[in-house]
Amino acid sequence: MDELLKKSMDNIEKTTRTREVEDQIYVLKETIAEIWAAKHILKNFTDIRNEALKNLHRSGVSVKELSEISELSTVFIHRVIK
């Protein structure tokens, strides 16, 4: 009887461990997909922001003004508009 109980408990433990691993793999895959989507969205908005900076600078808005508006450094803005 003790042997049967031990085998049963071992089987439950193994099944539980397997389920936990499967759950964590699922979580990992889902988070990777979400991070990829967020990076894609960030790139799109960064491109839009950079284009707006370039257009505003071409329209006569100074780098200093753009820096104040965007809270980006003037050095960074110079890199973007070049």
C-alpha atoms as a PDB file:
ATOM      1  CA  MET A   1       0.000   0.000   0.000  1.00  0.00           C
ATOM      2  CA  ASP A   2       2.831   2.414   0.859  1.00  0.00           C
ATOM      3  CA  GLU A   3       4.471   1.743  -2.511  1.00  0.00           C
ATOM      4  CA  LEU A   4       1.240   2.492  -4.356  1.00  0.00           C
ATOM      5  CA  LEU A   5       0.775   5.729  -2.411  1.00  0.00           C
ATOM      6  CA  LYS A   6       4.357   6.789  -3.139  1.00  0.00           C
ATOM      7  CA  LYS A   7       3.947   6.090  -6.871  1.00  0.00           C
ATOM      8  CA  SER A   8       0.709   8.029  -6.887  1.00  0.00           C
ATOM      9  CA  MET A   9       2.290  11.013  -5.120  1.00  0.00           C
ATOM     10  CA  ASP A  10       5.294  10.904  -7.459  1.00  0.00           C
ATOM     11  CA  ASN A  11       2.967  10.862 -10.447  1.00  0.00           C
ATOM     12  CA  ILE A  12       0.993  13.843  -9.092  1.00  0.00           C
ATOM     13  CA  GLU A  13       4.212  15.771  -8.462  1.00  0.00           C
ATOM     14  CA  LYS A  14       5.526  15.009 -11.950  1.00  0.00           C
ATOM     15  CA  THR A  15       2.217  16.038 -13.545  1.00  0.00           C
ATOM     16  CA  THR A  16       2.128  19.251 -11.502  1.00  0.00           C
ATOM     17  CA  ARG A  17       5.709  20.119 -12.455  1.00  0.00           C
ATOM     18  CA  THR A  18       4.965  19.449 -16.120  1.00  0.00           C
ATOM     19  CA  ARG A  19       1.878  21.664 -15.977  1.00  0.00           C
ATOM     20  CA  GLU A  20       3.856  24.462 -14.302  1.00  0.00           C
ATOM     21  CA  VAL A  21       6.540  24.279 -16.997  1.00  0.00           C
ATOM     22  CA  GLU A  22       3.916  24.337 -19.754  1.00  0.00           C
ATOM     23  CA  ASP A  23       2.203  27.329 -18.121  1.00  0.00           C
ATOM     24  CA  GLN A  24       5.476  29.231 -17.863  1.00  0.00           C
ATOM     25  CA  ILE A  25       6.351  28.469 -21.499  1.00  0.00           C
ATOM     26  CA  TYR A  26       2.945  29.854 -22.507  1.00  0.00           C
ATOM     27  CA  VAL A  27       3.526  32.988 -20.412  1.00  0.00           C
ATOM     28  CA  LEU A  28       6.971  33.454 -21.961  1.00  0.00           C
ATOM     29  CA  LYS A  29       5.637  33.144 -25.513  1.00  0.00           C
ATOM     30  CA  GLU A  30       2.771  35.559 -24.806  1.00  0.00           C
ATOM     31  CA  THR A  31       5.042  38.168 -23.225  1.00  0.00           C
ATOM     32  CA  ILE A  32       7.520  37.923 -26.100  1.00  0.00           C
ATOM     33  CA  ALA A  33       4.675  38.522 -28.554  1.00  0.00           C
ATOM     34  CA  GLU A  34       3.444  41.520 -26.540  1.00  0.00           C
ATOM     35  CA  ILE A  35       6.944  42.988 -26.295  1.00  0.00           C
ATOM     36  CA  TRP A  36       7.391  42.609 -30.058  1.00  0.00           C
ATOM     37  CA  ALA A  37       4.064  44.382 -30.654  1.00  0.00           C
ATOM     38  CA  ALA A  38       5.034  47.189 -28.263  1.00  0.00           C
ATOM     39  CA  LYS A  39       8.405  47.621 -29.998  1.00  0.00           C
ATOM     40  CA  HIS A  40       6.644  47.818 -33.364  1.00  0.00           C
ATOM     41  CA  ILE A  41       4.239  50.483 -32.067  1.00  0.00           C
ATOM     42  CA  LEU A  42       7.118  52.406 -30.476  1.00  0.00           C
ATOM     43  CA  LYS A  43       9.044  52.393 -33.763  1.00  0.00           C
ATOM     44  CA  ASN A  44       6.022  53.716 -35.641  1.00  0.00           C
ATOM     45  CA  PHE A  45       5.479  56.552 -33.154  1.00  0.00           C
ATOM     46  CA  THR A  46       9.210  57.339 -33.097  1.00  0.00           C
ATOM     47  CA  ASP A  47       9.189  57.672 -36.886  1.00  0.00           C
ATOM     48  CA  ILE A  48       6.151  59.968 -36.696  1.00  0.00           C
ATOM     49  CA  ARG A  49       7.787  62.084 -33.959  1.00  0.00           C
ATOM     50  CA  ASN A  50      11.033  62.363 -35.918  1.00  0.00           C
ATOM     51  CA  GLU A  51       9.213  63.407 -39.064  1.00  0.00           C
ATOM     52  CA  ALA A  52       7.284  66.044 -37.091  1.00  0.00           C
ATOM     53  CA  LEU A  53      10.560  67.388 -35.662  1.00  0.00           C
ATOM     54  CA  LYS A  54      12.042  67.631 -39.154  1.00  0.00           C
ATOM     55  CA  ASN A  55       8.944  69.337 -40.566  1.00  0.00           C
ATOM     56  CA  LEU A  56       8.764  71.849 -37.722  1.00  0.00           C
ATOM     57  CA  HIS A  57      12.455  72.664 -38.045  1.00  0.00           C
ATOM     58  CA  ARG A  58      12.075  73.143 -41.804  1.00  0.00           C
ATOM     59  CA  SER A  59       9.160  75.480 -41.035  1.00  0.00           C
ATOM     60  CA  GLY A  60      11.404  77.683 -38.933  1.00  0.00           C
ATOM     61  CA  VAL A  61      10.944  76.357 -35.402  1.00  0.00           C
ATOM     62  CA  SER A  62      14.308  76.504 -33.648  1.00  0.00           C
ATOM     63  CA  VAL A  63      16.002  73.472 -32.143  1.00  0.00           C
ATOM     64  CA  LYS A  64      15.776  75.164 -28.737  1.00  0.00           C
ATOM     65  CA  GLU A  65      12.006  75.553 -29.099  1.00  0.00           C
ATOM     66  CA  LEU A  66      11.666  71.953 -30.274  1.00  0.00           C
ATOM     67  CA  SER A  67      13.676  70.849 -27.261  1.00  0.00           C
ATOM     68  CA  GLU A  68      11.382  72.742 -24.893  1.00  0.00           C
ATOM     69  CA  ILE A  69       8.242  71.416 -26.561  1.00  0.00           C
ATOM     70  CA  SER A  70       9.360  67.793 -26.817  1.00  0.00           C
ATOM     71  CA  GLU A  71      11.507  67.624 -23.676  1.00  0.00           C
ATOM     72  CA  LEU A  72      14.253  66.096 -25.808  1.00  0.00           C
ATOM     73  CA  SER A  73      17.828  67.365 -25.714  1.00  0.00           C
ATOM     74  CA  THR A  74      18.994  69.766 -28.401  1.00  0.00           C
ATOM     75  CA  VAL A  75      21.798  67.324 -29.229  1.00  0.00           C
ATOM     76  CA  PHE A  76      19.261  64.558 -29.864  1.00  0.00           C
ATOM     77  CA  ILE A  77      17.100  66.847 -32.004  1.00  0.00           C
ATOM     78  CA  HIS A  78      20.117  67.839 -34.079  1.00  0.00           C
ATOM     79  CA  ARG A  79      20.778  64.115 -34.701  1.00  0.00           C
ATOM     80  CA  VAL A  80      17.190  63.567 -35.804  1.00  0.00           C
ATOM     81  CA  ILE A  81      16.914  66.531 -38.170  1.00  0.00           C
ATOM     82  CA  LYS A  82      20.254  65.928 -39.912  1.00  0.00           C
END
